Amino acid sequence: MYPVMKAKKQGSILVLTLWTLGLLSVFAVYLGVGLRQRLEFLDRLETRNKSYHIAHAGVKQALSVIGNFQKDSAFTCLRDTWSNNEGAFSEVALGQGAFTVGYTYRMGDFSDQAPDAETERLMYGAADVEGKLNINTAPRKELSRLFELATSLDSYAADGIASCIIDWRDNDSLSLPNGAEDKYYRGLRYPYECKDAAFQSIEELQYVKGMSAEVFLKIKPYITVYGSGKLNINTAYRMTLRAVGIGEKLTEKILRYRCGEDKTEANADDRVFTAPGSIVAQLSQVYPLSAAEVAQLSNLVSAGRFSVFSDTFLIQSTAGVGRKKGKCRIECVLKKDLDVDSEKAGIILSWRMHYII
């Protein structure tokens, strides 16, 4: 009997030992997974922190280039070092990572392979805000033209959104014939008030009657809420030139003039309009202008619609750390203080930061 009892006792101890080892193994795995998750979380936080500071360095680089260039310049154009400078803004190594400052510009492409086309080009530098249409100052007709040209909306629908924009930003409660004021917005499923004040961001347009996500995405590249409201003829998009009332053929001549002899914009060969008052004379030296085209340009110049200089810029700096996942992007709008030479001189009108997974 004794050997049998001893064997059973030993068997029980073995089973208990195995269960204990099993439980300890599960507990160890659980602790390991939890520890690993915590370590990964801390690593992500450290990566985000590093990528933010690298992206911030990209912004400071742009501020320095803009500041140094703006000191003595009488005009602003796409050939400038702040606008397109791959060496200064593309994959600039810093510490364990690198930053890129850039934006997409829709420019005319007048090469023989793609005559009269509009192509998207990645530019390394800051974007001139005043090449876009300011939705806080643009008149109804210009807004309506932009919506009709950039989207598939007909003239009535385009005018409707333009009227609603005017109603949204003006300080009264009187609706335009094709617009919308408080009565409309209060009747929505989730009601809100008409703002009756200036837009603070272009995204705010999505609260305006008639504005769909599809329409917003199509006009987004051409609009802003910053700047003087004047259109810089040296950096304006084809769509914004058309929106202010310039005909298609005259717009082509302006864009071709800017391209220079090589038919490509944003390089050293570009021609530049040096003053609003000389736009007609400079353009007519290269391309013949009809009496109607001269009148078009002259009227817009007289109305103060054009400028050749900008002091407000959009800076988009994106940074990553090595091969680690996730990047930080900082988007800010700078209004340069032209009376001070310091690279820090200026007002940051907007600052946004987000992480790209």
Protein backbone atom coordinates (compact mmCIF):
# COMPACT_ATOMS: atom_id res chain seq x y z
CA MET A 1 0.00 0.00 0.00
CA TYR A 2 2.73 2.41 0.84
CA PRO A 3 4.41 2.44 -2.59
CA VAL A 4 1.02 3.04 -4.23
CA MET A 5 0.21 5.98 -1.93
CA LYS A 6 3.66 7.40 -2.51
CA ALA A 7 3.20 7.20 -6.29
CA LYS A 8 -0.19 8.92 -6.07
CA LYS A 9 1.28 11.64 -3.89
CA GLN A 10 4.13 12.18 -6.33
CA GLY A 11 1.64 12.29 -9.21
CA SER A 12 -0.43 14.94 -7.44
CA ILE A 13 2.65 17.02 -6.79
CA LEU A 14 3.61 16.73 -10.48
CA VAL A 15 0.14 17.84 -11.62
CA LEU A 16 0.17 20.73 -9.15
CA THR A 17 3.64 21.74 -10.34
CA LEU A 18 2.55 21.66 -13.98
CA TRP A 19 -0.54 23.77 -13.21
CA THR A 20 1.58 26.23 -11.28
CA LEU A 21 4.09 26.46 -14.13
CA GLY A 22 1.23 26.93 -16.57
CA LEU A 23 -0.32 29.72 -14.54
CA LEU A 24 3.04 31.39 -14.10
CA SER A 25 3.65 31.15 -17.85
CA VAL A 26 0.28 32.75 -18.62
CA PHE A 27 0.97 35.46 -16.07
CA ALA A 28 4.43 36.06 -17.55
CA VAL A 29 2.99 36.30 -21.05
CA TYR A 30 0.32 38.72 -19.82
CA LEU A 31 2.94 40.87 -18.12
CA GLY A 32 5.13 40.70 -21.22
CA VAL A 33 2.32 41.80 -23.52
CA GLY A 34 1.37 44.61 -21.19
CA LEU A 35 4.98 45.72 -20.84
CA ARG A 36 5.48 45.55 -24.60
CA GLN A 37 2.39 47.67 -25.20
CA ARG A 38 3.59 50.22 -22.68
CA LEU A 39 7.04 50.32 -24.25
CA GLU A 40 5.53 50.72 -27.72
CA PHE A 41 3.30 53.51 -26.41
CA LEU A 42 6.29 55.31 -24.87
CA ASP A 43 8.23 54.84 -28.10
CA ARG A 44 5.38 56.36 -30.11
CA LEU A 45 5.23 59.32 -27.73
CA GLU A 46 8.97 59.84 -28.08
CA THR A 47 8.72 59.56 -31.89
CA ARG A 48 5.88 62.08 -31.97
CA ASN A 49 7.82 64.48 -29.80
CA LYS A 50 10.91 64.20 -31.99
CA SER A 51 8.95 64.52 -35.24
CA TYR A 52 7.16 67.61 -33.90
CA HIS A 53 10.44 69.37 -33.13
CA ILE A 54 11.85 68.40 -36.56
CA ALA A 55 8.70 69.71 -38.29
CA HIS A 56 8.99 72.89 -36.20
CA ALA A 57 12.55 73.27 -37.48
CA GLY A 58 11.13 73.10 -41.02
CA VAL A 59 8.80 75.99 -40.21
CA LYS A 60 11.71 78.02 -38.85
CA GLN A 61 13.69 77.27 -42.00
CA ALA A 62 10.82 78.63 -44.11
CA LEU A 63 10.53 81.72 -41.91
CA SER A 64 14.23 82.40 -42.37
CA VAL A 65 14.13 82.02 -46.16
CA ILE A 66 11.02 84.19 -46.46
CA GLY A 67 12.50 86.83 -44.17
CA ASN A 68 15.80 87.03 -46.00
CA PHE A 69 14.14 87.22 -49.41
CA GLN A 70 11.48 89.75 -48.49
CA LYS A 71 13.97 92.36 -47.30
CA ASP A 72 14.71 93.90 -50.70
CA SER A 73 12.09 92.38 -53.03
CA ALA A 74 9.59 94.59 -54.83
CA PHE A 75 7.55 91.67 -56.17
CA THR A 76 6.67 88.09 -55.26
CA CYS A 77 6.67 85.24 -57.79
CA LEU A 78 6.95 81.47 -58.16
CA ARG A 79 10.64 81.53 -59.08
CA ASP A 80 11.57 82.93 -55.66
CA THR A 81 13.64 80.85 -53.24
CA TRP A 82 10.83 80.71 -50.67
CA SER A 83 8.47 79.25 -53.29
CA ASN A 84 10.46 76.48 -54.93
CA ASN A 85 13.78 75.46 -53.42
CA GLU A 86 14.29 71.71 -53.29
CA GLY A 87 17.72 71.93 -51.69
CA ALA A 88 16.44 73.97 -48.75
CA PHE A 89 13.11 72.22 -48.20
CA SER A 90 13.09 68.63 -49.50
CA GLU A 91 14.01 65.80 -47.10
CA VAL A 92 16.31 67.98 -45.02
CA ALA A 93 18.11 65.73 -42.52
CA LEU A 94 17.99 66.82 -38.89
CA GLY A 95 19.01 64.64 -35.97
CA GLN A 96 17.39 61.22 -36.34
CA GLY A 97 14.84 62.39 -38.92
CA ALA A 98 14.13 64.79 -41.76
CA PHE A 99 11.60 67.46 -42.74
CA THR A 100 10.01 68.52 -46.00
CA VAL A 101 8.29 71.86 -46.54
CA GLY A 102 6.08 71.78 -49.60
CA TYR A 103 2.73 72.28 -51.28
CA THR A 104 0.89 71.35 -54.47
CA TYR A 105 0.50 74.05 -57.11
CA ARG A 106 -1.79 73.72 -60.12
CA MET A 107 0.09 75.48 -62.86
CA GLY A 108 -0.13 75.93 -66.59
CA ASP A 109 1.85 73.44 -68.64
CA PHE A 110 2.57 74.81 -72.10
CA SER A 111 5.06 72.21 -73.28
CA ASP A 112 4.61 70.69 -76.71
CA GLN A 113 3.54 67.40 -75.10
CA ALA A 114 0.72 68.98 -73.09
CA PRO A 115 -0.34 72.29 -74.64
CA ASP A 116 -2.70 74.47 -72.59
CA ALA A 117 -2.97 71.83 -69.84
CA GLU A 118 -3.06 72.36 -66.10
CA THR A 119 -0.87 70.06 -64.08
CA GLU A 120 -0.32 69.50 -60.37
CA ARG A 121 3.26 70.02 -59.31
CA LEU A 122 4.85 69.48 -55.93
CA MET A 123 6.71 72.63 -54.94
CA TYR A 124 9.28 72.71 -52.15
CA GLY A 125 8.76 75.85 -50.11
CA ALA A 126 5.93 78.05 -48.85
CA ALA A 127 2.72 78.84 -50.73
CA ASP A 128 1.67 82.40 -51.50
CA VAL A 129 -1.74 82.86 -49.94
CA GLU A 130 -2.49 85.90 -52.08
CA GLY A 131 -2.55 83.88 -55.27
CA LYS A 132 -5.93 82.59 -54.07
CA LEU A 133 -9.42 84.10 -53.84
CA ASN A 134 -10.21 85.50 -50.40
CA ILE A 135 -13.75 84.38 -49.49
CA ASN A 136 -14.01 87.16 -46.90
CA THR A 137 -13.53 89.95 -49.45
CA ALA A 138 -14.35 88.54 -52.89
CA PRO A 139 -17.55 89.95 -54.41
CA ARG A 140 -20.49 87.74 -55.28
CA LYS A 141 -19.74 87.64 -59.02
CA GLU A 142 -16.20 86.38 -58.46
CA LEU A 143 -17.32 83.70 -56.04
CA SER A 144 -20.04 82.61 -58.44
CA ARG A 145 -17.57 82.36 -61.35
CA LEU A 146 -15.19 80.28 -59.27
CA PHE A 147 -17.88 77.77 -58.32
CA GLU A 148 -19.09 77.51 -61.89
CA LEU A 149 -15.57 77.09 -63.33
CA ALA A 150 -14.12 74.73 -60.72
CA THR A 151 -17.15 72.46 -60.27
CA SER A 152 -19.97 70.97 -62.30
CA LEU A 153 -22.51 73.45 -60.89
CA ASP A 154 -24.65 75.46 -63.29
CA SER A 155 -24.74 79.25 -63.08
CA TYR A 156 -27.87 79.32 -60.88
CA ALA A 157 -26.49 76.86 -58.31
CA ALA A 158 -23.09 78.60 -58.32
CA ASP A 159 -24.74 81.97 -57.71
CA GLY A 160 -26.78 80.42 -54.92
CA ILE A 161 -23.70 79.31 -52.98
CA ALA A 162 -22.01 82.66 -53.64
CA SER A 163 -25.07 84.47 -52.26
CA CYS A 164 -25.11 82.22 -49.19
CA ILE A 165 -21.43 83.01 -48.57
CA ILE A 166 -22.17 86.73 -48.67
CA ASP A 167 -25.10 86.23 -46.27
CA TRP A 168 -22.91 84.17 -43.93
CA ARG A 169 -20.15 86.78 -43.69
CA ASP A 170 -22.16 90.03 -43.68
CA ASN A 171 -23.39 91.46 -40.37
CA ASP A 172 -27.07 91.77 -41.19
CA SER A 173 -29.98 89.33 -41.22
CA LEU A 174 -31.31 90.28 -44.64
CA SER A 175 -31.11 87.40 -47.06
CA LEU A 176 -30.07 87.89 -50.69
CA PRO A 177 -32.62 86.62 -53.27
CA ASN A 178 -30.71 83.37 -53.72
CA GLY A 179 -29.04 83.30 -50.29
CA ALA A 180 -29.75 82.09 -46.73
CA GLU A 181 -29.91 83.69 -43.31
CA ASP A 182 -30.96 82.56 -39.82
CA LYS A 183 -34.40 81.33 -40.88
CA TYR A 184 -32.91 78.64 -43.09
CA TYR A 185 -30.26 77.44 -40.63
CA ARG A 186 -32.69 77.37 -37.69
CA GLY A 187 -34.92 75.03 -39.69
CA LEU A 188 -32.25 72.35 -40.11
CA ARG A 189 -32.42 69.04 -38.23
CA TYR A 190 -29.47 70.23 -36.13
CA PRO A 191 -30.05 74.00 -36.16
CA TYR A 192 -27.47 76.74 -35.74
CA GLU A 193 -27.21 80.47 -36.38
CA CYS A 194 -25.92 82.19 -39.47
CA LYS A 195 -22.54 83.59 -38.39
CA ASP A 196 -22.88 87.17 -39.72
CA ALA A 197 -19.11 87.61 -39.45
CA ALA A 198 -15.96 86.83 -41.40
CA PHE A 199 -14.85 83.26 -42.07
CA GLN A 200 -12.04 82.15 -39.77
CA SER A 201 -11.08 79.13 -41.87
CA ILE A 202 -11.99 77.79 -45.30
CA GLU A 203 -13.41 74.65 -43.62
CA GLU A 204 -16.14 76.86 -42.17
CA LEU A 205 -17.60 76.99 -45.69
CA GLN A 206 -19.03 73.53 -45.06
CA TYR A 207 -21.67 75.09 -42.77
CA VAL A 208 -22.97 77.26 -45.61
CA LYS A 209 -26.14 76.29 -47.46
CA GLY A 210 -25.49 74.37 -50.68
CA MET A 211 -21.90 73.45 -49.86
CA SER A 212 -21.31 69.72 -50.28
CA ALA A 213 -18.10 67.85 -49.47
CA GLU A 214 -17.53 67.25 -53.20
CA VAL A 215 -17.85 70.93 -54.11
CA PHE A 216 -15.66 72.00 -51.19
CA LEU A 217 -12.81 69.69 -52.22
CA LYS A 218 -12.89 71.06 -55.77
CA ILE A 219 -12.62 74.71 -54.75
CA LYS A 220 -10.37 74.23 -51.71
CA PRO A 221 -7.06 74.74 -53.62
CA TYR A 222 -8.20 78.17 -54.86
CA ILE A 223 -9.56 79.87 -51.74
CA THR A 224 -8.26 81.45 -48.53
CA VAL A 225 -9.37 83.60 -45.62
CA TYR A 226 -6.03 85.39 -45.30
CA GLY A 227 -4.27 88.18 -47.13
CA SER A 228 -5.20 91.64 -48.34
CA GLY A 229 -7.85 90.40 -50.75
CA LYS A 230 -5.86 91.57 -53.76
CA LEU A 231 -4.80 88.87 -56.21
CA ASN A 232 -1.07 88.55 -56.86
CA ILE A 233 -0.96 88.25 -60.64
CA ASN A 234 2.49 86.61 -60.43
CA THR A 235 1.27 83.63 -58.38
CA ALA A 236 -2.47 83.45 -59.11
CA TYR A 237 -3.93 80.18 -60.34
CA ARG A 238 -5.61 79.90 -63.73
CA MET A 239 -8.91 79.41 -61.90
CA THR A 240 -8.54 82.52 -59.74
CA LEU A 241 -7.56 84.67 -62.72
CA ARG A 242 -10.71 83.52 -64.48
CA ALA A 243 -12.78 84.10 -61.34
CA VAL A 244 -11.90 87.80 -61.10
CA GLY A 245 -13.21 88.30 -64.63
CA ILE A 246 -10.32 87.65 -67.03
CA GLY A 247 -11.33 85.84 -70.21
CA GLU A 248 -9.92 82.44 -71.16
CA LYS A 249 -7.62 83.68 -73.97
CA LEU A 250 -6.25 86.54 -71.89
CA THR A 251 -5.65 84.16 -68.97
CA GLU A 252 -3.61 81.92 -71.29
CA LYS A 253 -1.48 84.90 -72.32
CA ILE A 254 -0.80 85.85 -68.69
CA LEU A 255 0.21 82.30 -67.76
CA ARG A 256 2.36 81.89 -70.87
CA TYR A 257 4.02 85.23 -70.12
CA ARG A 258 4.87 84.04 -66.60
CA CYS A 259 6.40 80.80 -67.91
CA GLY A 260 9.10 82.53 -69.93
CA GLU A 261 10.81 81.03 -72.97
CA ASP A 262 11.01 77.46 -71.63
CA LYS A 263 7.19 77.25 -71.26
CA THR A 264 7.56 76.00 -67.69
CA GLU A 265 6.72 77.96 -64.57
CA ALA A 266 8.59 78.28 -61.27
CA ASN A 267 12.18 78.44 -62.47
CA ALA A 268 14.82 81.10 -63.21
CA ASP A 269 13.49 81.66 -66.72
CA ASP A 270 10.15 83.06 -65.52
CA ARG A 271 8.97 86.54 -66.44
CA VAL A 272 7.56 88.72 -63.66
CA PHE A 273 5.04 91.55 -63.53
CA THR A 274 6.91 94.22 -61.58
CA ALA A 275 4.04 96.63 -60.75
CA PRO A 276 0.24 96.64 -61.13
CA GLY A 277 0.41 99.72 -63.33
CA SER A 278 2.79 98.05 -65.79
CA ILE A 279 0.83 94.80 -66.27
CA VAL A 280 -0.75 95.86 -69.56
CA ALA A 281 2.47 97.31 -70.97
CA GLN A 282 4.61 94.30 -70.02
CA LEU A 283 2.14 91.74 -71.36
CA SER A 284 1.58 93.63 -74.63
CA GLN A 285 5.33 93.58 -75.31
CA VAL A 286 5.20 89.79 -75.61
CA TYR A 287 1.64 89.05 -76.74
CA PRO A 288 -0.70 91.21 -78.81
CA LEU A 289 -3.73 92.38 -76.81
CA SER A 290 -7.10 93.32 -78.25
CA ALA A 291 -8.85 96.50 -77.17
CA ALA A 292 -11.25 94.40 -75.09
CA GLU A 293 -8.36 92.62 -73.33
CA VAL A 294 -6.63 95.91 -72.57
CA ALA A 295 -9.89 97.21 -71.12
CA GLN A 296 -10.34 94.07 -69.01
CA LEU A 297 -6.92 94.35 -67.42
CA SER A 298 -7.02 98.15 -67.08
CA ASN A 299 -10.37 98.08 -65.30
CA LEU A 300 -9.18 95.44 -62.82
CA VAL A 301 -5.95 97.34 -62.18
CA SER A 302 -7.88 100.59 -61.67
CA ALA A 303 -10.20 98.83 -59.25
CA GLY A 304 -7.17 97.75 -57.19
CA ARG A 305 -7.87 94.08 -57.84
CA PHE A 306 -4.25 93.10 -58.56
CA SER A 307 -0.96 93.21 -56.71
CA VAL A 308 2.52 91.92 -57.56
CA PHE A 309 3.73 91.48 -53.97
CA SER A 310 2.65 89.25 -51.09
CA ASP A 311 3.41 89.17 -47.38
CA THR A 312 1.19 86.25 -46.31
CA PHE A 313 2.33 82.65 -46.76
CA LEU A 314 1.16 79.12 -45.98
CA ILE A 315 3.91 76.88 -44.58
CA GLN A 316 3.34 73.11 -44.48
CA SER A 317 6.17 71.20 -42.79
CA THR A 318 6.09 67.39 -42.56
CA ALA A 319 8.66 65.40 -40.56
CA GLY A 320 9.39 61.81 -39.63
CA VAL A 321 11.97 59.94 -37.56
CA GLY A 322 13.99 57.32 -39.43
CA ARG A 323 11.89 54.40 -40.63
CA LYS A 324 9.44 54.65 -37.76
CA LYS A 325 5.76 54.88 -38.58
CA GLY A 326 3.92 58.15 -38.25
CA LYS A 327 4.79 61.69 -39.24
CA CYS A 328 4.03 65.10 -37.80
CA ARG A 329 2.67 67.88 -40.00
CA ILE A 330 2.55 71.52 -39.00
CA GLU A 331 0.51 73.95 -41.10
CA CYS A 332 0.81 77.62 -40.30
CA VAL A 333 0.02 80.92 -41.99
CA LEU A 334 2.58 83.69 -41.61
CA LYS A 335 2.03 87.40 -42.18
CA LYS A 336 5.52 88.83 -42.56
CA ASP A 337 6.46 92.05 -40.80
CA LEU A 338 8.36 93.82 -43.57
CA ASP A 339 9.68 96.54 -41.26
CA VAL A 340 11.82 94.11 -39.25
CA ASP A 341 14.64 91.95 -40.61
CA SER A 342 14.56 89.24 -37.96
CA GLU A 343 13.50 85.81 -39.16
CA LYS A 344 11.11 85.68 -36.19
CA ALA A 345 9.41 88.94 -37.16
CA GLY A 346 5.85 88.40 -38.27
CA ILE A 347 2.48 87.27 -37.06
CA ILE A 348 1.42 83.62 -37.05
CA LEU A 349 -2.22 83.87 -38.10
CA SER A 350 -2.92 80.17 -37.88
CA TRP A 351 -1.17 77.11 -36.41
CA ARG A 352 -2.32 73.53 -36.86
CA MET A 353 -0.52 70.35 -35.97
CA HIS A 354 -1.53 66.75 -36.58
CA TYR A 355 0.04 63.32 -36.89
CA ILE A 356 -0.15 61.18 -40.00
CA ILE A 357 -0.23 57.47 -39.20
